[in-house]
Every structure is written in structure tokens, then in C-alpha cells.
Amino acid sequence: MNLADAEGKSAGGAAVSSANTRLTGPCLIIARVLWLALVVPSLGLFIVSLLVSYQQIQSGAFPAQGQQLLSTIGLSVSGFAVLNTIFNVITSAIWYGVGFFIFWRRSDDWLALLAAFVLVMFNVTSFSNNNTPSVLALAYPALSLPLSLMNFLGSI
């Protein structure tokens, strides 16, 4: 077996080809448009949910135990709201940034598109640390369906 044969086979002997994941022509355009059509609205909903979450914490929609804990460590509710929002923005910027970077550099590869989609959508699902989209759904019940769709897409 020569080197070219060895490179084209995996450990189990099956042929491996990187050309199978490339998108071209109309499929590429459809995949990019679909990706953007799902991701851009989720980004918008997430930004709105950050604002709603901040306002709710500021207005005192925070458990009494949490407020007592904040006072024992010397942090006000408004200070916590700011810190919580900053933390959510930083972590979300990392998830979204990596996802958009992969989309920008490798959107002609359906596996890269899937990875970018998972990175972006995982950020807004209930599995992530910030749960601001659920706060938005509670504040605005009309947005429950789009937020549930985002949660479903991120979960699968």
C-alpha cells in the first residue's frame, strides 16, 4: 500500500473524502440564506432579552434570598444587574463571534455551517448559563413561539 492509498483510508479501512461536505451552486446559496434567516433573528431576540432581563433585575424581580446574599457581599441589585448583563454579553459575544467567524470563513462546507449554527443557537438555549430568552418569553408571551423554536433548534 502506498502513501496515497493510506491517506485516503481511515483506521477502519473506509475511504475518507473531504469533498463530500462542500456545497456549491444553488445549494450553497440556500444554505447560507437559511443559516442567516435562522441566526440573525435569534441574535435580535437575544439582545432584546438581555435588555428585558436587565430591567427585571433592576425593578426588583429578584428572589429575597438573592437580595440578602447580595447585601451580605456588598453588592446592590443594580450592581448585580450590570454585572449579570456584562457577563451575558461577554459570553454571548464569544459564542456568536466564533459561530459568525466559522460562517464567514467556511460557509461553503455544510459541516462548518452546522458547527457554526450549533455554536450560535446553543448560546440561546436553556442548556446555556444565561437564561435571558426565558425571561423574554415570560415578559412577552407573544414571543413564546419564536423563542421556543430557537430553543428547539439549539437543543437538537
N, C-alpha and C. Protein backbone atom coordinates (compact mmCIF):
# COMPACT_ATOMS: atom_id res chain seq x y z
N MET A 1 0.85 -1.18 0.00
CA MET A 1 0.00 0.00 0.00
C MET A 1 0.89 1.23 0.00
N ASN A 2 0.64 2.13 -0.91
CA ASN A 2 1.45 3.34 -0.96
C ASN A 2 0.85 4.43 -0.08
N LEU A 3 1.54 5.55 0.02
CA LEU A 3 1.12 6.64 0.89
C LEU A 3 -0.21 7.24 0.47
N ALA A 4 -0.47 7.36 -0.82
CA ALA A 4 -1.73 7.92 -1.31
C ALA A 4 -2.90 7.03 -0.91
N ASP A 5 -2.72 5.72 -0.95
CA ASP A 5 -3.78 4.82 -0.51
C ASP A 5 -4.01 4.94 0.99
N ALA A 6 -2.93 5.09 1.75
CA ALA A 6 -3.05 5.18 3.21
C ALA A 6 -3.75 6.46 3.62
N GLU A 7 -3.51 7.56 2.91
CA GLU A 7 -4.15 8.82 3.27
C GLU A 7 -5.64 8.82 2.95
N GLY A 8 -6.06 8.06 1.98
CA GLY A 8 -7.46 8.02 1.60
C GLY A 8 -8.30 7.06 2.40
N LYS A 9 -7.70 6.39 3.37
CA LYS A 9 -8.41 5.40 4.18
C LYS A 9 -8.34 5.79 5.64
N SER A 10 -9.39 5.49 6.37
CA SER A 10 -9.39 5.72 7.80
C SER A 10 -8.84 4.48 8.49
N ALA A 11 -8.83 4.50 9.83
CA ALA A 11 -8.30 3.38 10.59
C ALA A 11 -9.10 2.10 10.32
N GLY A 12 -10.37 2.21 10.05
CA GLY A 12 -11.20 1.04 9.80
C GLY A 12 -11.16 0.59 8.35
N GLY A 13 -10.45 1.29 7.51
CA GLY A 13 -10.33 0.89 6.12
C GLY A 13 -11.32 1.57 5.20
N ALA A 14 -12.24 2.37 5.73
CA ALA A 14 -13.22 3.04 4.88
C ALA A 14 -12.60 4.27 4.25
N ALA A 15 -12.99 4.57 3.05
CA ALA A 15 -12.45 5.73 2.34
C ALA A 15 -12.99 7.01 2.96
N VAL A 16 -12.11 7.99 3.12
CA VAL A 16 -12.48 9.28 3.69
C VAL A 16 -12.28 10.33 2.61
N SER A 17 -13.30 11.16 2.40
CA SER A 17 -13.20 12.20 1.39
C SER A 17 -13.71 13.50 1.96
N SER A 18 -12.90 14.55 1.85
CA SER A 18 -13.33 15.86 2.36
C SER A 18 -14.21 16.59 1.35
N ALA A 19 -14.27 16.10 0.11
CA ALA A 19 -15.07 16.77 -0.91
C ALA A 19 -16.56 16.56 -0.70
N ASN A 20 -16.95 15.60 0.11
CA ASN A 20 -18.37 15.31 0.31
C ASN A 20 -19.09 16.38 1.12
N THR A 21 -18.36 17.23 1.82
CA THR A 21 -19.01 18.22 2.67
C THR A 21 -19.11 19.59 2.01
N ARG A 22 -18.64 19.74 0.81
CA ARG A 22 -18.67 21.03 0.12
C ARG A 22 -20.03 21.28 -0.52
N LEU A 23 -20.48 22.52 -0.42
CA LEU A 23 -21.71 22.95 -1.07
C LEU A 23 -21.35 23.85 -2.25
N THR A 24 -22.10 23.70 -3.33
CA THR A 24 -21.87 24.55 -4.50
C THR A 24 -23.21 24.95 -5.11
N GLY A 25 -23.16 25.96 -5.93
CA GLY A 25 -24.33 26.37 -6.70
C GLY A 25 -25.51 26.80 -5.85
N PRO A 26 -26.72 26.39 -6.26
CA PRO A 26 -27.93 26.80 -5.55
C PRO A 26 -27.99 26.27 -4.12
N CYS A 27 -27.44 25.09 -3.89
CA CYS A 27 -27.44 24.53 -2.52
C CYS A 27 -26.65 25.41 -1.57
N LEU A 28 -25.55 25.97 -2.03
CA LEU A 28 -24.73 26.86 -1.21
C LEU A 28 -25.50 28.13 -0.86
N ILE A 29 -26.16 28.71 -1.85
CA ILE A 29 -26.92 29.94 -1.61
C ILE A 29 -28.08 29.67 -0.66
N ILE A 30 -28.79 28.58 -0.87
CA ILE A 30 -29.91 28.23 0.01
C ILE A 30 -29.43 28.00 1.44
N ALA A 31 -28.32 27.29 1.60
CA ALA A 31 -27.80 27.01 2.94
C ALA A 31 -27.39 28.29 3.65
N ARG A 32 -26.73 29.19 2.94
CA ARG A 32 -26.31 30.46 3.55
C ARG A 32 -27.51 31.32 3.94
N VAL A 33 -28.49 31.40 3.05
CA VAL A 33 -29.68 32.21 3.34
C VAL A 33 -30.46 31.61 4.50
N LEU A 34 -30.60 30.29 4.54
CA LEU A 34 -31.31 29.63 5.63
C LEU A 34 -30.58 29.85 6.95
N TRP A 35 -29.26 29.73 6.93
CA TRP A 35 -28.46 29.94 8.14
C TRP A 35 -28.69 31.35 8.67
N LEU A 36 -28.57 32.33 7.79
CA LEU A 36 -28.77 33.73 8.20
C LEU A 36 -30.20 33.99 8.65
N ALA A 37 -31.17 33.36 7.97
CA ALA A 37 -32.58 33.57 8.32
C ALA A 37 -32.90 33.01 9.70
N LEU A 38 -32.18 32.02 10.14
CA LEU A 38 -32.41 31.46 11.48
C LEU A 38 -31.56 32.15 12.54
N VAL A 39 -30.36 32.53 12.20
CA VAL A 39 -29.43 33.06 13.19
C VAL A 39 -29.65 34.54 13.49
N VAL A 40 -29.86 35.36 12.48
CA VAL A 40 -29.99 36.80 12.70
C VAL A 40 -31.20 37.12 13.60
N PRO A 41 -32.39 36.53 13.36
CA PRO A 41 -33.49 36.81 14.30
C PRO A 41 -33.20 36.31 15.72
N SER A 42 -32.49 35.20 15.84
CA SER A 42 -32.17 34.71 17.19
C SER A 42 -31.24 35.68 17.90
N LEU A 43 -30.34 36.29 17.16
CA LEU A 43 -29.45 37.31 17.74
C LEU A 43 -30.27 38.52 18.20
N GLY A 44 -31.21 38.94 17.37
CA GLY A 44 -32.08 40.06 17.75
C GLY A 44 -32.91 39.76 18.99
N LEU A 45 -33.50 38.59 19.03
CA LEU A 45 -34.29 38.20 20.21
C LEU A 45 -33.42 38.11 21.44
N PHE A 46 -32.19 37.64 21.27
CA PHE A 46 -31.30 37.54 22.42
C PHE A 46 -30.93 38.92 22.95
N ILE A 47 -30.68 39.88 22.07
CA ILE A 47 -30.34 41.23 22.51
C ILE A 47 -31.51 41.86 23.26
N VAL A 48 -32.72 41.68 22.72
CA VAL A 48 -33.91 42.20 23.41
C VAL A 48 -34.08 41.51 24.76
N SER A 49 -33.81 40.22 24.82
CA SER A 49 -33.96 39.50 26.09
C SER A 49 -32.94 39.96 27.12
N LEU A 50 -31.75 40.38 26.69
CA LEU A 50 -30.78 40.94 27.63
C LEU A 50 -31.32 42.22 28.27
N LEU A 51 -31.93 43.06 27.44
CA LEU A 51 -32.49 44.32 27.96
C LEU A 51 -33.63 44.06 28.94
N VAL A 52 -34.50 43.11 28.60
CA VAL A 52 -35.63 42.78 29.48
C VAL A 52 -35.12 42.18 30.79
N SER A 53 -34.13 41.31 30.70
CA SER A 53 -33.55 40.70 31.90
C SER A 53 -32.95 41.77 32.81
N TYR A 54 -32.23 42.71 32.22
CA TYR A 54 -31.63 43.79 32.99
C TYR A 54 -32.71 44.61 33.69
N GLN A 55 -33.76 44.96 32.96
CA GLN A 55 -34.84 45.76 33.54
C GLN A 55 -35.56 45.01 34.66
N GLN A 56 -35.75 43.72 34.48
CA GLN A 56 -36.45 42.95 35.52
C GLN A 56 -35.61 42.84 36.79
N ILE A 57 -34.32 42.66 36.64
CA ILE A 57 -33.47 42.60 37.84
C ILE A 57 -33.45 43.96 38.52
N GLN A 58 -33.36 45.02 37.73
CA GLN A 58 -33.37 46.38 38.29
C GLN A 58 -34.66 46.69 39.05
N SER A 59 -35.78 46.19 38.53
CA SER A 59 -37.06 46.51 39.15
C SER A 59 -37.35 45.67 40.39
N GLY A 60 -36.47 44.79 40.74
CA GLY A 60 -36.64 44.01 41.96
C GLY A 60 -37.25 42.66 41.75
N ALA A 61 -37.39 42.20 40.52
CA ALA A 61 -37.91 40.86 40.25
C ALA A 61 -36.78 39.87 40.49
N PHE A 62 -36.38 39.79 41.74
CA PHE A 62 -35.22 39.01 42.16
C PHE A 62 -35.59 38.38 43.49
N PRO A 63 -35.31 37.13 43.73
CA PRO A 63 -35.71 36.48 44.99
C PRO A 63 -35.13 37.19 46.22
N ALA A 64 -35.88 37.15 47.30
CA ALA A 64 -35.46 37.82 48.53
C ALA A 64 -34.15 37.23 49.05
N GLN A 65 -33.99 35.92 48.93
CA GLN A 65 -32.73 35.30 49.36
C GLN A 65 -31.55 35.84 48.57
N GLY A 66 -31.77 36.02 47.28
CA GLY A 66 -30.71 36.56 46.43
C GLY A 66 -30.36 37.98 46.81
N GLN A 67 -31.37 38.78 47.15
CA GLN A 67 -31.12 40.16 47.55
C GLN A 67 -30.36 40.21 48.87
N GLN A 68 -30.70 39.29 49.80
CA GLN A 68 -29.98 39.23 51.06
C GLN A 68 -28.53 38.82 50.83
N LEU A 69 -28.32 37.87 49.95
CA LEU A 69 -26.97 37.43 49.64
C LEU A 69 -26.15 38.56 49.02
N LEU A 70 -26.78 39.31 48.12
CA LEU A 70 -26.10 40.45 47.50
C LEU A 70 -25.70 41.48 48.55
N SER A 71 -26.60 41.74 49.50
CA SER A 71 -26.29 42.74 50.53
C SER A 71 -25.17 42.26 51.45
N THR A 72 -25.08 40.96 51.68
CA THR A 72 -24.01 40.45 52.54
C THR A 72 -22.64 40.55 51.87
N ILE A 73 -22.61 40.49 50.55
CA ILE A 73 -21.32 40.64 49.87
C ILE A 73 -21.07 42.08 49.43
N GLY A 74 -21.99 42.97 49.76
CA GLY A 74 -21.80 44.39 49.49
C GLY A 74 -22.11 44.81 48.07
N LEU A 75 -23.03 44.12 47.44
CA LEU A 75 -23.39 44.44 46.06
C LEU A 75 -24.87 44.80 46.00
N SER A 76 -25.17 45.89 45.33
CA SER A 76 -26.56 46.31 45.20
C SER A 76 -27.23 45.51 44.09
N VAL A 77 -28.55 45.59 44.04
CA VAL A 77 -29.30 44.91 42.99
C VAL A 77 -28.95 45.51 41.63
N SER A 78 -28.82 46.82 41.57
CA SER A 78 -28.47 47.45 40.29
C SER A 78 -27.05 47.06 39.88
N GLY A 79 -26.14 46.95 40.83
CA GLY A 79 -24.79 46.50 40.51
C GLY A 79 -24.78 45.07 39.99
N PHE A 80 -25.62 44.23 40.60
CA PHE A 80 -25.73 42.86 40.13
C PHE A 80 -26.32 42.81 38.72
N ALA A 81 -27.31 43.66 38.47
CA ALA A 81 -27.91 43.70 37.13
C ALA A 81 -26.87 44.06 36.08
N VAL A 82 -26.03 45.02 36.40
CA VAL A 82 -24.98 45.43 35.46
C VAL A 82 -23.98 44.30 35.26
N LEU A 83 -23.52 43.70 36.35
CA LEU A 83 -22.55 42.60 36.24
C LEU A 83 -23.12 41.41 35.50
N ASN A 84 -24.37 41.08 35.76
CA ASN A 84 -25.01 39.96 35.09
C ASN A 84 -25.12 40.22 33.59
N THR A 85 -25.50 41.44 33.23
CA THR A 85 -25.63 41.79 31.81
C THR A 85 -24.26 41.78 31.13
N ILE A 86 -23.25 42.31 31.78
CA ILE A 86 -21.91 42.31 31.20
C ILE A 86 -21.42 40.88 31.00
N PHE A 87 -21.64 40.03 31.99
CA PHE A 87 -21.23 38.62 31.87
C PHE A 87 -21.95 37.95 30.70
N ASN A 88 -23.24 38.17 30.59
CA ASN A 88 -24.00 37.58 29.49
C ASN A 88 -23.55 38.10 28.13
N VAL A 89 -23.24 39.38 28.05
CA VAL A 89 -22.77 39.96 26.79
C VAL A 89 -21.42 39.37 26.40
N ILE A 90 -20.50 39.25 27.35
CA ILE A 90 -19.18 38.71 27.04
C ILE A 90 -19.25 37.26 26.61
N THR A 91 -19.96 36.43 27.37
CA THR A 91 -20.05 35.01 26.99
C THR A 91 -20.78 34.83 25.67
N SER A 92 -21.82 35.61 25.46
CA SER A 92 -22.56 35.51 24.20
C SER A 92 -21.73 35.98 23.03
N ALA A 93 -20.95 37.03 23.24
CA ALA A 93 -20.09 37.53 22.16
C ALA A 93 -19.09 36.47 21.72
N ILE A 94 -18.61 35.68 22.65
CA ILE A 94 -17.68 34.61 22.30
C ILE A 94 -18.39 33.56 21.45
N TRP A 95 -19.56 33.09 21.90
CA TRP A 95 -20.31 32.07 21.15
C TRP A 95 -20.67 32.59 19.76
N TYR A 96 -21.28 33.78 19.71
CA TYR A 96 -21.68 34.36 18.43
C TYR A 96 -20.47 34.66 17.55
N GLY A 97 -19.42 35.20 18.15
CA GLY A 97 -18.23 35.54 17.39
C GLY A 97 -17.61 34.34 16.70
N VAL A 98 -17.45 33.25 17.42
CA VAL A 98 -16.88 32.04 16.82
C VAL A 98 -17.82 31.49 15.75
N GLY A 99 -19.11 31.49 16.03
CA GLY A 99 -20.08 31.00 15.05
C GLY A 99 -20.07 31.82 13.77
N PHE A 100 -20.08 33.15 13.90
CA PHE A 100 -20.06 34.00 12.72
C PHE A 100 -18.71 33.93 11.99
N PHE A 101 -17.62 33.74 12.73
CA PHE A 101 -16.32 33.60 12.09
C PHE A 101 -16.26 32.33 11.24
N ILE A 102 -16.77 31.23 11.78
CA ILE A 102 -16.81 29.98 11.01
C ILE A 102 -17.70 30.16 9.78
N PHE A 103 -18.85 30.82 9.95
CA PHE A 103 -19.73 31.07 8.82
C PHE A 103 -19.03 31.91 7.76
N TRP A 104 -18.31 32.94 8.19
CA TRP A 104 -17.64 33.83 7.26
C TRP A 104 -16.54 33.11 6.49
N ARG A 105 -15.78 32.26 7.18
CA ARG A 105 -14.63 31.62 6.55
C ARG A 105 -14.96 30.31 5.82
N ARG A 106 -15.97 29.57 6.30
CA ARG A 106 -16.21 28.24 5.74
C ARG A 106 -17.68 27.96 5.44
N SER A 107 -18.41 28.93 4.98
CA SER A 107 -19.83 28.72 4.74
C SER A 107 -20.10 27.85 3.52
N ASP A 108 -19.07 27.45 2.78
CA ASP A 108 -19.27 26.54 1.65
C ASP A 108 -19.18 25.07 2.07
N ASP A 109 -19.00 24.83 3.36
CA ASP A 109 -18.90 23.47 3.90
C ASP A 109 -20.09 23.25 4.84
N TRP A 110 -20.93 22.26 4.54
CA TRP A 110 -22.14 22.08 5.34
C TRP A 110 -21.83 21.66 6.76
N LEU A 111 -20.72 20.97 6.99
CA LEU A 111 -20.35 20.62 8.37
C LEU A 111 -19.92 21.86 9.15
N ALA A 112 -19.20 22.76 8.50
CA ALA A 112 -18.82 24.02 9.16
C ALA A 112 -20.05 24.87 9.44
N LEU A 113 -21.01 24.89 8.50
CA LEU A 113 -22.26 25.62 8.72
C LEU A 113 -23.02 25.04 9.91
N LEU A 114 -23.05 23.73 10.00
CA LEU A 114 -23.72 23.08 11.13
C LEU A 114 -23.02 23.43 12.44
N ALA A 115 -21.70 23.38 12.45
CA ALA A 115 -20.95 23.73 13.66
C ALA A 115 -21.20 25.18 14.05
N ALA A 116 -21.19 26.09 13.08
CA ALA A 116 -21.44 27.50 13.37
C ALA A 116 -22.86 27.69 13.89
N PHE A 117 -23.81 26.98 13.31
CA PHE A 117 -25.20 27.07 13.75
C PHE A 117 -25.35 26.58 15.19
N VAL A 118 -24.70 25.47 15.50
CA VAL A 118 -24.77 24.92 16.85
C VAL A 118 -24.16 25.89 17.86
N LEU A 119 -23.04 26.49 17.52
CA LEU A 119 -22.41 27.45 18.44
C LEU A 119 -23.32 28.63 18.72
N VAL A 120 -23.94 29.15 17.68
CA VAL A 120 -24.80 30.32 17.86
C VAL A 120 -26.09 29.95 18.60
N MET A 121 -26.72 28.87 18.20
CA MET A 121 -28.01 28.52 18.80
C MET A 121 -27.86 27.95 20.20
N PHE A 122 -26.75 27.29 20.50
CA PHE A 122 -26.56 26.75 21.84
C PHE A 122 -26.54 27.87 22.87
N ASN A 123 -26.04 29.02 22.46
CA ASN A 123 -25.98 30.16 23.36
C ASN A 123 -27.35 30.59 23.86
N VAL A 124 -28.39 30.41 23.06
CA VAL A 124 -29.71 30.90 23.45
C VAL A 124 -30.64 29.82 23.96
N THR A 125 -30.14 28.62 24.12
CA THR A 125 -30.99 27.54 24.62
C THR A 125 -30.98 27.49 26.13
N SER A 126 -31.83 26.68 26.66
CA SER A 126 -31.91 26.54 28.12
C SER A 126 -30.72 25.79 28.69
N PHE A 127 -29.90 25.19 27.84
CA PHE A 127 -28.73 24.47 28.33
C PHE A 127 -27.58 25.40 28.69
N SER A 128 -27.63 26.64 28.23
CA SER A 128 -26.53 27.57 28.50
C SER A 128 -26.70 28.21 29.87
N ASN A 129 -25.69 28.94 30.31
CA ASN A 129 -25.70 29.55 31.63
C ASN A 129 -26.66 30.71 31.74
N ASN A 130 -26.82 31.46 30.67
CA ASN A 130 -27.74 32.59 30.75
C ASN A 130 -29.11 32.14 30.29
N ASN A 131 -30.10 32.57 30.97
CA ASN A 131 -31.42 32.11 30.60
C ASN A 131 -32.31 33.31 30.30
N THR A 132 -31.71 34.29 29.66
CA THR A 132 -32.43 35.52 29.34
C THR A 132 -33.56 35.32 28.33
N PRO A 133 -33.47 34.40 27.35
CA PRO A 133 -34.62 34.22 26.47
C PRO A 133 -35.89 33.76 27.21
N SER A 134 -35.74 32.96 28.25
CA SER A 134 -36.92 32.55 29.00
C SER A 134 -37.53 33.74 29.74
N VAL A 135 -36.70 34.68 30.16
CA VAL A 135 -37.20 35.90 30.79
C VAL A 135 -38.02 36.70 29.78
N LEU A 136 -37.54 36.76 28.55
CA LEU A 136 -38.26 37.48 27.50
C LEU A 136 -39.61 36.81 27.22
N ALA A 137 -39.64 35.49 27.20
CA ALA A 137 -40.90 34.77 26.96
C ALA A 137 -41.90 35.04 28.07
N LEU A 138 -41.43 35.16 29.29
CA LEU A 138 -42.34 35.46 30.40
C LEU A 138 -42.86 36.90 30.33
N ALA A 139 -42.00 37.81 29.91
CA ALA A 139 -42.41 39.22 29.83
C ALA A 139 -43.32 39.49 28.64
N TYR A 140 -43.07 38.80 27.52
CA TYR A 140 -43.85 39.00 26.29
C TYR A 140 -44.31 37.64 25.76
N PRO A 141 -45.48 37.17 26.20
CA PRO A 141 -45.95 35.85 25.78
C PRO A 141 -46.09 35.69 24.27
N ALA A 142 -46.26 36.77 23.54
CA ALA A 142 -46.38 36.67 22.08
C ALA A 142 -45.09 36.15 21.45
N LEU A 143 -43.97 36.30 22.14
CA LEU A 143 -42.69 35.83 21.63
C LEU A 143 -42.37 34.40 22.04
N SER A 144 -43.31 33.75 22.71
CA SER A 144 -43.06 32.38 23.18
C SER A 144 -42.79 31.41 22.03
N LEU A 145 -43.53 31.54 20.94
CA LEU A 145 -43.34 30.63 19.81
C LEU A 145 -41.96 30.79 19.16
N PRO A 146 -41.54 32.01 18.79
CA PRO A 146 -40.19 32.12 18.21
C PRO A 146 -39.09 31.69 19.18
N LEU A 147 -39.26 32.00 20.46
CA LEU A 147 -38.26 31.60 21.44
C LEU A 147 -38.25 30.09 21.64
N SER A 148 -39.42 29.46 21.58
CA SER A 148 -39.48 28.00 21.66
C SER A 148 -38.82 27.37 20.44
N LEU A 149 -39.01 27.98 19.27
CA LEU A 149 -38.35 27.48 18.07
C LEU A 149 -36.84 27.59 18.20
N MET A 150 -36.35 28.72 18.71
CA MET A 150 -34.91 28.88 18.93
C MET A 150 -34.41 27.83 19.91
N ASN A 151 -35.14 27.62 20.98
CA ASN A 151 -34.75 26.63 21.97
C ASN A 151 -34.72 25.23 21.37
N PHE A 152 -35.71 24.92 20.56
CA PHE A 152 -35.77 23.60 19.90
C PHE A 152 -34.59 23.42 18.95
N LEU A 153 -34.32 24.42 18.12
CA LEU A 153 -33.21 24.32 17.17
C LEU A 153 -31.88 24.20 17.88
N GLY A 154 -31.71 24.93 18.96
CA GLY A 154 -30.47 24.84 19.71
C GLY A 154 -30.32 23.53 20.47
N SER A 155 -31.43 22.95 20.86
CA SER A 155 -31.39 21.70 21.61
C SER A 155 -31.09 20.48 20.75
N ILE A 156 -31.58 20.52 19.50
CA ILE A 156 -31.34 19.35 18.67
C ILE A 156 -29.94 19.35 18.13
